Amino acid sequence: MKNLSRRLVGALAITVTACASPPPQPSSPATAAFAADMAAPPGRARVYILPTLSKTIYSDPEGRAGIAIRDDGDGARLAWTGQTTFVAFDLPPGRYTLMADAEGAFAHFARSLRFAAGTVYFLRPTFFASTADLTQGNAKGGMDFEPVAPVVGRAEVRRMDMAALTAEGQAFLAQVRSAPPPGTSLMPDTSLATVERKLRELRQLHQDGLITTEEFDAKRRAILDGL
């Protein structure tokens, strides 16, 4: 009987230990994709925006930061980081302007950054930590997208969820990914097969809710005007 009791206690101890620290599991397919393979896809740069650590009067008290992006033309809000959420996306190589904003009149800034193909970037938006930083321009308490060491960035991503991208953010990324690479001829291809393909892709974007009806009509007219 004593031996049986020991076996039961041992089994219970093993069960409790196993349940006390379960392995972290991504909560969505998007999180799983960006957390499992932290490598840039071919011909793309991969960007991770980590949560801000600037929980002060000049930033959101919950540690959130709104992330937006702009190229030479249009721009779009991508998503919000949080205490336990990151923002991630893939881009063609080139220069883009990243923007971050939180609470307060001074809690917003923009930085022009160049991203290279085949490179993974871990960035953290930081805001002024005090009035002294604001008035004296303290570099350590400034406003910027600070690079994060890859080993630190990967560890953070693995234990967090990925923020869902906005519809306008998804449309922006789809647009820049479909743009011709540098050095490609800008002469439009007006063959009927190409026009039909573009119209089908445009209709699919509209049906998926990635562009508005007004945007759909405007882009459709632009395609047909090119004939």
Foldseek 3Di string as FASTA:
>chain_A
DVVVVVVVVVVVVVVCVCVVDDFDDAPDPVLCVCLVDVWADAQKEKEKEAFAPQCAPLFAVQRKKWKKKADPDDIGTWFMHGPFEMEMDIAHWAKMKMKIAGDDPQRIDIDIDTTHGGYYWYWYFADANDVCCVVVVPVVRHTDTDTDPPVVRSVSSSNGYYTHTDLQNVVVRVVRVPDDDPPDDPQDDLDPVVLVVVLVVLVVSVVVVSDDPVVSVVVNVVSVVSD
